[in-house]
Amino acid sequence: MGFAETFKALSDPVRREILIMLKNGSMTAGDIGQHFNMTGATISYHLSQLKKAGLVFETRQKNFIIYELNVTVFEETMLWLAQFNGGKKSGKK
């Protein structure tokens, strides 16, 4: 996982919406797909991009794949972004 993959995955509004949905708890791909007007293949593509970026985990339970947030990646990204908070503002010395 690198920041390039993370930011690429976060750049898509559908993937951001999926992450917001997963914030409330784990879901199956079918449950996620019910919230969008797109094919199952498209939902699977978005989930695979989120998984590739390390933003979600998947676990198998019987015939279902359950998706959940990988909070660690969010924490690492927030820590990296935090270094830019509180610095000198441009134009001021």
PDB file of N, CA and C in Angstrom:
ATOM      1  N   MET A   1       0.852  -1.176   0.000  1.00  0.00           N
ATOM      2  CA  MET A   1       0.000   0.000   0.000  1.00  0.00           C
ATOM      3  C   MET A   1       0.888   1.226   0.000  1.00  0.00           C
ATOM      4  N   GLY A   2       0.584   2.138  -0.880  1.00  0.00           N
ATOM      5  CA  GLY A   2       1.277   3.410  -0.924  1.00  0.00           C
ATOM      6  C   GLY A   2       0.269   4.531  -1.024  1.00  0.00           C
ATOM      7  N   PHE A   3       0.765   5.734  -0.797  1.00  0.00           N
ATOM      8  CA  PHE A   3      -0.144   6.876  -0.840  1.00  0.00           C
ATOM      9  C   PHE A   3      -0.731   7.078  -2.233  1.00  0.00           C
ATOM     10  N   ALA A   4       0.016   6.743  -3.277  1.00  0.00           N
ATOM     11  CA  ALA A   4      -0.510   6.914  -4.639  1.00  0.00           C
ATOM     12  C   ALA A   4      -1.771   6.074  -4.832  1.00  0.00           C
ATOM     13  N   GLU A   5      -1.725   4.811  -4.406  1.00  0.00           N
ATOM     14  CA  GLU A   5      -2.901   3.947  -4.534  1.00  0.00           C
ATOM     15  C   GLU A   5      -4.053   4.440  -3.662  1.00  0.00           C
ATOM     16  N   THR A   6      -3.704   4.904  -2.466  1.00  0.00           N
ATOM     17  CA  THR A   6      -4.740   5.399  -1.548  1.00  0.00           C
ATOM     18  C   THR A   6      -5.459   6.598  -2.144  1.00  0.00           C
ATOM     19  N   PHE A   7      -4.688   7.590  -2.601  1.00  0.00           N
ATOM     20  CA  PHE A   7      -5.315   8.799  -3.138  1.00  0.00           C
ATOM     21  C   PHE A   7      -6.047   8.528  -4.447  1.00  0.00           C
ATOM     22  N   LYS A   8      -5.537   7.602  -5.245  1.00  0.00           N
ATOM     23  CA  LYS A   8      -6.239   7.234  -6.482  1.00  0.00           C
ATOM     24  C   LYS A   8      -7.596   6.617  -6.144  1.00  0.00           C
ATOM     25  N   ALA A   9      -7.612   5.729  -5.160  1.00  0.00           N
ATOM     26  CA  ALA A   9      -8.868   5.092  -4.757  1.00  0.00           C
ATOM     27  C   ALA A   9      -9.834   6.125  -4.184  1.00  0.00           C
ATOM     28  N   LEU A  10      -9.316   7.066  -3.417  1.00  0.00           N
ATOM     29  CA  LEU A  10     -10.167   8.088  -2.803  1.00  0.00           C
ATOM     30  C   LEU A  10     -10.655   9.139  -3.793  1.00  0.00           C
ATOM     31  N   SER A  11     -10.060   9.179  -4.975  1.00  0.00           N
ATOM     32  CA  SER A  11     -10.433  10.206  -5.954  1.00  0.00           C
ATOM     33  C   SER A  11     -11.802   9.967  -6.584  1.00  0.00           C
ATOM     34  N   ASP A  12     -12.323   8.765  -6.471  1.00  0.00           N
ATOM     35  CA  ASP A  12     -13.607   8.444  -7.093  1.00  0.00           C
ATOM     36  C   ASP A  12     -14.752   8.619  -6.098  1.00  0.00           C
ATOM     37  N   PRO A  13     -15.788   9.374  -6.469  1.00  0.00           N
ATOM     38  CA  PRO A  13     -16.892   9.622  -5.532  1.00  0.00           C
ATOM     39  C   PRO A  13     -17.664   8.360  -5.139  1.00  0.00           C
ATOM     40  N   VAL A  14     -17.770   7.395  -6.024  1.00  0.00           N
ATOM     41  CA  VAL A  14     -18.467   6.145  -5.682  1.00  0.00           C
ATOM     42  C   VAL A  14     -17.691   5.411  -4.594  1.00  0.00           C
ATOM     43  N   ARG A  15     -16.375   5.349  -4.743  1.00  0.00           N
ATOM     44  CA  ARG A  15     -15.556   4.663  -3.737  1.00  0.00           C
ATOM     45  C   ARG A  15     -15.598   5.395  -2.399  1.00  0.00           C
ATOM     46  N   ARG A  16     -15.627   6.719  -2.438  1.00  0.00           N
ATOM     47  CA  ARG A  16     -15.745   7.469  -1.184  1.00  0.00           C
ATOM     48  C   ARG A  16     -17.081   7.170  -0.509  1.00  0.00           C
ATOM     49  N   GLU A  17     -18.146   7.065  -1.293  1.00  0.00           N
ATOM     50  CA  GLU A  17     -19.465   6.746  -0.737  1.00  0.00           C
ATOM     51  C   GLU A  17     -19.470   5.339  -0.139  1.00  0.00           C
ATOM     52  N   ILE A  18     -18.821   4.393  -0.797  1.00  0.00           N
ATOM     53  CA  ILE A  18     -18.722   3.034  -0.260  1.00  0.00           C
ATOM     54  C   ILE A  18     -18.003   3.062   1.087  1.00  0.00           C
ATOM     55  N   LEU A  19     -16.924   3.819   1.185  1.00  0.00           N
ATOM     56  CA  LEU A  19     -16.184   3.915   2.446  1.00  0.00           C
ATOM     57  C   LEU A  19     -17.048   4.511   3.554  1.00  0.00           C
ATOM     58  N   ILE A  20     -17.844   5.512   3.217  1.00  0.00           N
ATOM     59  CA  ILE A  20     -18.742   6.109   4.208  1.00  0.00           C
ATOM     60  C   ILE A  20     -19.762   5.070   4.681  1.00  0.00           C
ATOM     61  N   MET A  21     -20.266   4.273   3.756  1.00  0.00           N
ATOM     62  CA  MET A  21     -21.215   3.226   4.125  1.00  0.00           C
ATOM     63  C   MET A  21     -20.563   2.208   5.057  1.00  0.00           C
ATOM     64  N   LEU A  22     -19.318   1.840   4.767  1.00  0.00           N
ATOM     65  CA  LEU A  22     -18.618   0.844   5.573  1.00  0.00           C
ATOM     66  C   LEU A  22     -18.217   1.391   6.942  1.00  0.00           C
ATOM     67  N   LYS A  23     -18.231   2.702   7.073  1.00  0.00           N
ATOM     68  CA  LYS A  23     -17.932   3.316   8.373  1.00  0.00           C
ATOM     69  C   LYS A  23     -18.923   2.840   9.433  1.00  0.00           C
ATOM     70  N   ASN A  24     -20.141   2.535   9.003  1.00  0.00           N
ATOM     71  CA  ASN A  24     -21.194   2.095   9.919  1.00  0.00           C
ATOM     72  C   ASN A  24     -21.170   0.597  10.192  1.00  0.00           C
ATOM     73  N   GLY A  25     -20.279  -0.128   9.544  1.00  0.00           N
ATOM     74  CA  GLY A  25     -20.173  -1.572   9.775  1.00  0.00           C
ATOM     75  C   GLY A  25     -19.931  -2.324   8.482  1.00  0.00           C
ATOM     76  N   SER A  26     -19.566  -3.568   8.625  1.00  0.00           N
ATOM     77  CA  SER A  26     -19.245  -4.399   7.462  1.00  0.00           C
ATOM     78  C   SER A  26     -20.501  -4.683   6.643  1.00  0.00           C
ATOM     79  N   MET A  27     -20.280  -4.920   5.338  1.00  0.00           N
ATOM     80  CA  MET A  27     -21.377  -5.163   4.397  1.00  0.00           C
ATOM     81  C   MET A  27     -20.925  -6.134   3.320  1.00  0.00           C
ATOM     82  N   THR A  28     -21.880  -6.820   2.710  1.00  0.00           N
ATOM     83  CA  THR A  28     -21.582  -7.639   1.546  1.00  0.00           C
ATOM     84  C   THR A  28     -21.597  -6.757   0.300  1.00  0.00           C
ATOM     85  N   ALA A  29     -21.038  -7.281  -0.787  1.00  0.00           N
ATOM     86  CA  ALA A  29     -21.060  -6.540  -2.046  1.00  0.00           C
ATOM     87  C   ALA A  29     -22.496  -6.308  -2.504  1.00  0.00           C
ATOM     88  N   GLY A  30     -23.367  -7.277  -2.281  1.00  0.00           N
ATOM     89  CA  GLY A  30     -24.775  -7.117  -2.650  1.00  0.00           C
ATOM     90  C   GLY A  30     -25.449  -5.999  -1.881  1.00  0.00           C
ATOM     91  N   ASP A  31     -25.154  -5.922  -0.578  1.00  0.00           N
ATOM     92  CA  ASP A  31     -25.712  -4.837   0.247  1.00  0.00           C
ATOM     93  C   ASP A  31     -25.221  -3.483  -0.254  1.00  0.00           C
ATOM     94  N   ILE A  32     -23.934  -3.413  -0.586  1.00  0.00           N
ATOM     95  CA  ILE A  32     -23.361  -2.169  -1.098  1.00  0.00           C
ATOM     96  C   ILE A  32     -24.008  -1.809  -2.433  1.00  0.00           C
ATOM     97  N   GLY A  33     -24.137  -2.792  -3.314  1.00  0.00           N
ATOM     98  CA  GLY A  33     -24.688  -2.564  -4.643  1.00  0.00           C
ATOM     99  C   GLY A  33     -26.110  -2.047  -4.646  1.00  0.00           C
ATOM    100  N   GLN A  34     -26.884  -2.372  -3.613  1.00  0.00           N
ATOM    101  CA  GLN A  34     -28.270  -1.911  -3.537  1.00  0.00           C
ATOM    102  C   GLN A  34     -28.379  -0.395  -3.418  1.00  0.00           C
ATOM    103  N   HIS A  35     -27.301   0.254  -3.009  1.00  0.00           N
ATOM    104  CA  HIS A  35     -27.317   1.707  -2.827  1.00  0.00           C
ATOM    105  C   HIS A  35     -26.934   2.474  -4.091  1.00  0.00           C
ATOM    106  N   PHE A  36     -26.607   1.741  -5.148  1.00  0.00           N
ATOM    107  CA  PHE A  36     -26.143   2.383  -6.378  1.00  0.00           C
ATOM    108  C   PHE A  36     -26.929   1.863  -7.564  1.00  0.00           C
ATOM    109  N   ASN A  37     -27.022   2.677  -8.595  1.00  0.00           N
ATOM    110  CA  ASN A  37     -27.664   2.279  -9.835  1.00  0.00           C
ATOM    111  C   ASN A  37     -26.572   1.880 -10.828  1.00  0.00           C
ATOM    112  N   MET A  38     -25.913   0.744 -10.534  1.00  0.00           N
ATOM    113  CA  MET A  38     -24.856   0.249 -11.418  1.00  0.00           C
ATOM    114  C   MET A  38     -24.794  -1.262 -11.315  1.00  0.00           C
ATOM    115  N   THR A  39     -24.102  -1.861 -12.258  1.00  0.00           N
ATOM    116  CA  THR A  39     -24.037  -3.315 -12.309  1.00  0.00           C
ATOM    117  C   THR A  39     -23.192  -3.871 -11.163  1.00  0.00           C
ATOM    118  N   GLY A  40     -23.405  -5.148 -10.890  1.00  0.00           N
ATOM    119  CA  GLY A  40     -22.595  -5.828  -9.883  1.00  0.00           C
ATOM    120  C   GLY A  40     -21.124  -5.835 -10.260  1.00  0.00           C
ATOM    121  N   ALA A  41     -20.844  -5.938 -11.565  1.00  0.00           N
ATOM    122  CA  ALA A  41     -19.454  -5.924 -12.026  1.00  0.00           C
ATOM    123  C   ALA A  41     -18.790  -4.585 -11.723  1.00  0.00           C
ATOM    124  N   THR A  42     -19.534  -3.504 -11.851  1.00  0.00           N
ATOM    125  CA  THR A  42     -18.982  -2.180 -11.560  1.00  0.00           C
ATOM    126  C   THR A  42     -18.716  -2.033 -10.071  1.00  0.00           C
ATOM    127  N   ILE A  43     -19.631  -2.513  -9.244  1.00  0.00           N
ATOM    128  CA  ILE A  43     -19.422  -2.479  -7.790  1.00  0.00           C
ATOM    129  C   ILE A  43     -18.195  -3.313  -7.440  1.00  0.00           C
ATOM    130  N   SER A  44     -18.070  -4.476  -8.043  1.00  0.00           N
ATOM    131  CA  SER A  44     -16.907  -5.338  -7.788  1.00  0.00           C
ATOM    132  C   SER A  44     -15.613  -4.642  -8.166  1.00  0.00           C
ATOM    133  N   TYR A  45     -15.627  -3.898  -9.272  1.00  0.00           N
ATOM    134  CA  TYR A  45     -14.443  -3.149  -9.685  1.00  0.00           C
ATOM    135  C   TYR A  45     -14.062  -2.113  -8.623  1.00  0.00           C
ATOM    136  N   HIS A  46     -15.047  -1.355  -8.154  1.00  0.00           N
ATOM    137  CA  HIS A  46     -14.769  -0.342  -7.140  1.00  0.00           C
ATOM    138  C   HIS A  46     -14.242  -0.981  -5.851  1.00  0.00           C
ATOM    139  N   LEU A  47     -14.838  -2.095  -5.452  1.00  0.00           N
ATOM    140  CA  LEU A  47     -14.376  -2.787  -4.253  1.00  0.00           C
ATOM    141  C   LEU A  47     -12.957  -3.318  -4.437  1.00  0.00           C
ATOM    142  N   SER A  48     -12.640  -3.802  -5.631  1.00  0.00           N
ATOM    143  CA  SER A  48     -11.282  -4.298  -5.868  1.00  0.00           C
ATOM    144  C   SER A  48     -10.259  -3.169  -5.820  1.00  0.00           C
ATOM    145  N   GLN A  49     -10.646  -1.985  -6.279  1.00  0.00           N
ATOM    146  CA  GLN A  49      -9.740  -0.833  -6.206  1.00  0.00           C
ATOM    147  C   GLN A  49      -9.521  -0.405  -4.754  1.00  0.00           C
ATOM    148  N   LEU A  50     -10.568  -0.438  -3.959  1.00  0.00           N
ATOM    149  CA  LEU A  50     -10.437  -0.112  -2.540  1.00  0.00           C
ATOM    150  C   LEU A  50      -9.576  -1.152  -1.821  1.00  0.00           C
ATOM    151  N   LYS A  51      -9.756  -2.408  -2.195  1.00  0.00           N
ATOM    152  CA  LYS A  51      -8.959  -3.483  -1.594  1.00  0.00           C
ATOM    153  C   LYS A  51      -7.493  -3.359  -2.006  1.00  0.00           C
ATOM    154  N   LYS A  52      -7.253  -3.067  -3.274  1.00  0.00           N
ATOM    155  CA  LYS A  52      -5.891  -2.893  -3.793  1.00  0.00           C
ATOM    156  C   LYS A  52      -5.169  -1.768  -3.053  1.00  0.00           C
ATOM    157  N   ALA A  53      -5.906  -0.718  -2.710  1.00  0.00           N
ATOM    158  CA  ALA A  53      -5.333   0.414  -1.982  1.00  0.00           C
ATOM    159  C   ALA A  53      -5.200   0.120  -0.491  1.00  0.00           C
ATOM    160  N   GLY A  54      -5.721  -1.004  -0.050  1.00  0.00           N
ATOM    161  CA  GLY A  54      -5.635  -1.368   1.351  1.00  0.00           C
ATOM    162  C   GLY A  54      -6.656  -0.680   2.229  1.00  0.00           C
ATOM    163  N   LEU A  55      -7.654  -0.046   1.619  1.00  0.00           N
ATOM    164  CA  LEU A  55      -8.654   0.700   2.384  1.00  0.00           C
ATOM    165  C   LEU A  55      -9.753  -0.194   2.951  1.00  0.00           C
ATOM    166  N   VAL A  56      -9.926  -1.378   2.368  1.00  0.00           N
ATOM    167  CA  VAL A  56     -10.918  -2.320   2.875  1.00  0.00           C
ATOM    168  C   VAL A  56     -10.311  -3.716   2.972  1.00  0.00           C
ATOM    169  N   PHE A  57     -10.865  -4.493   3.880  1.00  0.00           N
ATOM    170  CA  PHE A  57     -10.568  -5.921   4.021  1.00  0.00           C
ATOM    171  C   PHE A  57     -11.757  -6.693   3.483  1.00  0.00           C
ATOM    172  N   GLU A  58     -11.499  -7.901   3.046  1.00  0.00           N
ATOM    173  CA  GLU A  58     -12.616  -8.786   2.734  1.00  0.00           C
ATOM    174  C   GLU A  58     -12.411 -10.098   3.473  1.00  0.00           C
ATOM    175  N   THR A  59     -13.510 -10.624   3.977  1.00  0.00           N
ATOM    176  CA  THR A  59     -13.488 -11.929   4.628  1.00  0.00           C
ATOM    177  C   THR A  59     -14.635 -12.748   4.070  1.00  0.00           C
ATOM    178  N   ARG A  60     -14.422 -14.036   3.985  1.00  0.00           N
ATOM    179  CA  ARG A  60     -15.464 -14.928   3.473  1.00  0.00           C
ATOM    180  C   ARG A  60     -16.230 -15.541   4.635  1.00  0.00           C
ATOM    181  N   GLN A  61     -17.545 -15.506   4.525  1.00  0.00           N
ATOM    182  CA  GLN A  61     -18.423 -16.160   5.486  1.00  0.00           C
ATOM    183  C   GLN A  61     -19.450 -16.957   4.700  1.00  0.00           C
ATOM    184  N   LYS A  62     -19.261 -18.247   4.688  1.00  0.00           N
ATOM    185  CA  LYS A  62     -20.101 -19.152   3.901  1.00  0.00           C
ATOM    186  C   LYS A  62     -20.060 -18.732   2.433  1.00  0.00           C
ATOM    187  N   ASN A  63     -21.185 -18.339   1.858  1.00  0.00           N
ATOM    188  CA  ASN A  63     -21.236 -17.958   0.444  1.00  0.00           C
ATOM    189  C   ASN A  63     -21.087 -16.460   0.213  1.00  0.00           C
ATOM    190  N   PHE A  64     -20.741 -15.709   1.246  1.00  0.00           N
ATOM    191  CA  PHE A  64     -20.680 -14.254   1.145  1.00  0.00           C
ATOM    192  C   PHE A  64     -19.260 -13.743   1.360  1.00  0.00           C
ATOM    193  N   ILE A  65     -18.970 -12.628   0.710  1.00  0.00           N
ATOM    194  CA  ILE A  65     -17.739 -11.894   0.984  1.00  0.00           C
ATOM    195  C   ILE A  65     -18.154 -10.629   1.718  1.00  0.00           C
ATOM    196  N   ILE A  66     -17.578 -10.447   2.884  1.00  0.00           N
ATOM    197  CA  ILE A  66     -17.905  -9.308   3.736  1.00  0.00           C
ATOM    198  C   ILE A  66     -16.781  -8.285   3.625  1.00  0.00           C
ATOM    199  N   TYR A  67     -17.146  -7.027   3.404  1.00  0.00           N
ATOM    200  CA  TYR A  67     -16.170  -5.939   3.293  1.00  0.00           C
ATOM    201  C   TYR A  67     -16.244  -5.066   4.539  1.00  0.00           C
ATOM    202  N   GLU A  68     -15.056  -4.642   5.007  1.00  0.00           N
ATOM    203  CA  GLU A  68     -14.987  -3.732   6.148  1.00  0.00           C
ATOM    204  C   GLU A  68     -13.795  -2.802   5.980  1.00  0.00           C
ATOM    205  N   LEU A  69     -13.860  -1.674   6.668  1.00  0.00           N
ATOM    206  CA  LEU A  69     -12.790  -0.679   6.578  1.00  0.00           C
ATOM    207  C   LEU A  69     -11.506  -1.189   7.199  1.00  0.00           C
ATOM    208  N   ASN A  70     -10.391  -0.784   6.604  1.00  0.00           N
ATOM    209  CA  ASN A  70      -9.074  -0.986   7.191  1.00  0.00           C
ATOM    210  C   ASN A  70      -8.681   0.359   7.806  1.00  0.00           C
ATOM    211  N   VAL A  71      -8.988   0.540   9.043  1.00  0.00           N
ATOM    212  CA  VAL A  71      -8.794   1.817   9.719  1.00  0.00           C
ATOM    213  C   VAL A  71      -7.319   2.206   9.769  1.00  0.00           C
ATOM    214  N   THR A  72      -6.428   1.236   9.790  1.00  0.00           N
ATOM    215  CA  THR A  72      -4.994   1.512   9.866  1.00  0.00           C
ATOM    216  C   THR A  72      -4.525   2.397   8.721  1.00  0.00           C
ATOM    217  N   VAL A  73      -4.996   2.140   7.513  1.00  0.00           N
ATOM    218  CA  VAL A  73      -4.589   2.946   6.361  1.00  0.00           C
ATOM    219  C   VAL A  73      -5.086   4.373   6.506  1.00  0.00           C
ATOM    220  N   PHE A  74      -6.299   4.542   7.013  1.00  0.00           N
ATOM    221  CA  PHE A  74      -6.823   5.894   7.240  1.00  0.00           C
ATOM    222  C   PHE A  74      -5.978   6.621   8.281  1.00  0.00           C
ATOM    223  N   GLU A  75      -5.595   5.920   9.345  1.00  0.00           N
ATOM    224  CA  GLU A  75      -4.773   6.535  10.384  1.00  0.00           C
ATOM    225  C   GLU A  75      -3.419   6.958   9.828  1.00  0.00           C
ATOM    226  N   GLU A  76      -2.790   6.101   9.035  1.00  0.00           N
ATOM    227  CA  GLU A  76      -1.497   6.442   8.433  1.00  0.00           C
ATOM    228  C   GLU A  76      -1.615   7.654   7.521  1.00  0.00           C
ATOM    229  N   THR A  77      -2.681   7.709   6.731  1.00  0.00           N
ATOM    230  CA  THR A  77      -2.899   8.837   5.825  1.00  0.00           C
ATOM    231  C   THR A  77      -3.135  10.118   6.611  1.00  0.00           C
ATOM    232  N   MET A  78      -3.933  10.035   7.666  1.00  0.00           N
ATOM    233  CA  MET A  78      -4.204  11.223   8.487  1.00  0.00           C
ATOM    234  C   MET A  78      -2.930  11.719   9.170  1.00  0.00           C
ATOM    235  N   LEU A  79      -2.101  10.808   9.642  1.00  0.00           N
ATOM    236  CA  LEU A  79      -0.839  11.215  10.260  1.00  0.00           C
ATOM    237  C   LEU A  79       0.052  11.925   9.247  1.00  0.00           C
ATOM    238  N   TRP A  80       0.080  11.401   8.039  1.00  0.00           N
ATOM    239  CA  TRP A  80       0.895  12.026   7.001  1.00  0.00           C
ATOM    240  C   TRP A  80       0.364  13.418   6.676  1.00  0.00           C
ATOM    241  N   LEU A  81      -0.964  13.550   6.529  1.00  0.00           N
ATOM    242  CA  LEU A  81      -1.569  14.845   6.219  1.00  0.00           C
ATOM    243  C   LEU A  81      -1.408  15.837   7.364  1.00  0.00           C
ATOM    244  N   ALA A  82      -1.390  15.344   8.599  1.00  0.00           N
ATOM    245  CA  ALA A  82      -1.298  16.222   9.768  1.00  0.00           C
ATOM    246  C   ALA A  82      -0.007  17.026   9.792  1.00  0.00           C
ATOM    247  N   GLN A  83       1.029  16.547   9.126  1.00  0.00           N
ATOM    248  CA  GLN A  83       2.285  17.285   9.127  1.00  0.00           C
ATOM    249  C   GLN A  83       2.155  18.640   8.439  1.00  0.00           C
ATOM    250  N   PHE A  84       1.125  18.821   7.637  1.00  0.00           N
ATOM    251  CA  PHE A  84       0.912  20.084   6.932  1.00  0.00           C
ATOM    252  C   PHE A  84       0.023  21.041   7.718  1.00  0.00           C
ATOM    253  N   ASN A  85      -0.514  20.587   8.833  1.00  0.00           N
ATOM    254  CA  ASN A  85      -1.392  21.399   9.656  1.00  0.00           C
ATOM    255  C   ASN A  85      -0.550  22.204  10.651  1.00  0.00           C
ATOM    256  N   GLY A  86      -0.831  23.470  10.789  1.00  0.00           N
ATOM    257  CA  GLY A  86      -0.150  24.280  11.781  1.00  0.00           C
ATOM    258  C   GLY A  86       1.192  24.836  11.347  1.00  0.00           C
ATOM    259  N   GLY A  87       1.535  24.639  10.086  1.00  0.00           N
ATOM    260  CA  GLY A  87       2.790  25.182   9.584  1.00  0.00           C
ATOM    261  C   GLY A  87       2.652  26.658   9.262  1.00  0.00           C
ATOM    262  N   LYS A  88       3.724  27.256   8.837  1.00  0.00           N
ATOM    263  CA  LYS A  88       3.677  28.673   8.445  1.00  0.00           C
ATOM    264  C   LYS A  88       2.778  28.836   7.230  1.00  0.00           C
ATOM    265  N   LYS A  89       2.027  29.898   7.228  1.00  0.00           N
ATOM    266  CA  LYS A  89       1.150  30.183   6.083  1.00  0.00           C
ATOM    267  C   LYS A  89       1.950  30.975   5.065  1.00  0.00           C
ATOM    268  N   SER A  90       1.675  30.716   3.808  1.00  0.00           N
ATOM    269  CA  SER A  90       2.412  31.406   2.742  1.00  0.00           C
ATOM    270  C   SER A  90       2.206  32.909   2.842  1.00  0.00           C
ATOM    271  N   GLY A  91       3.284  33.648   2.602  1.00  0.00           N
ATOM    272  CA  GLY A  91       3.221  35.085   2.661  1.00  0.00           C
ATOM    273  C   GLY A  91       3.512  35.653   4.026  1.00  0.00           C
ATOM    274  N   LYS A  92       3.576  34.795   5.064  1.00  0.00           N
ATOM    275  CA  LYS A  92       3.864  35.247   6.430  1.00  0.00           C
ATOM    276  C   LYS A  92       5.192  34.661   6.868  1.00  0.00           C
ATOM    277  N   LYS A  93       5.912  35.431   7.664  1.00  0.00           N
ATOM    278  CA  LYS A  93       7.192  34.942   8.188  1.00  0.00           C
ATOM    279  C   LYS A  93       7.202  34.944   9.672  1.00  0.00           C
TER     280      LYS A  93
END
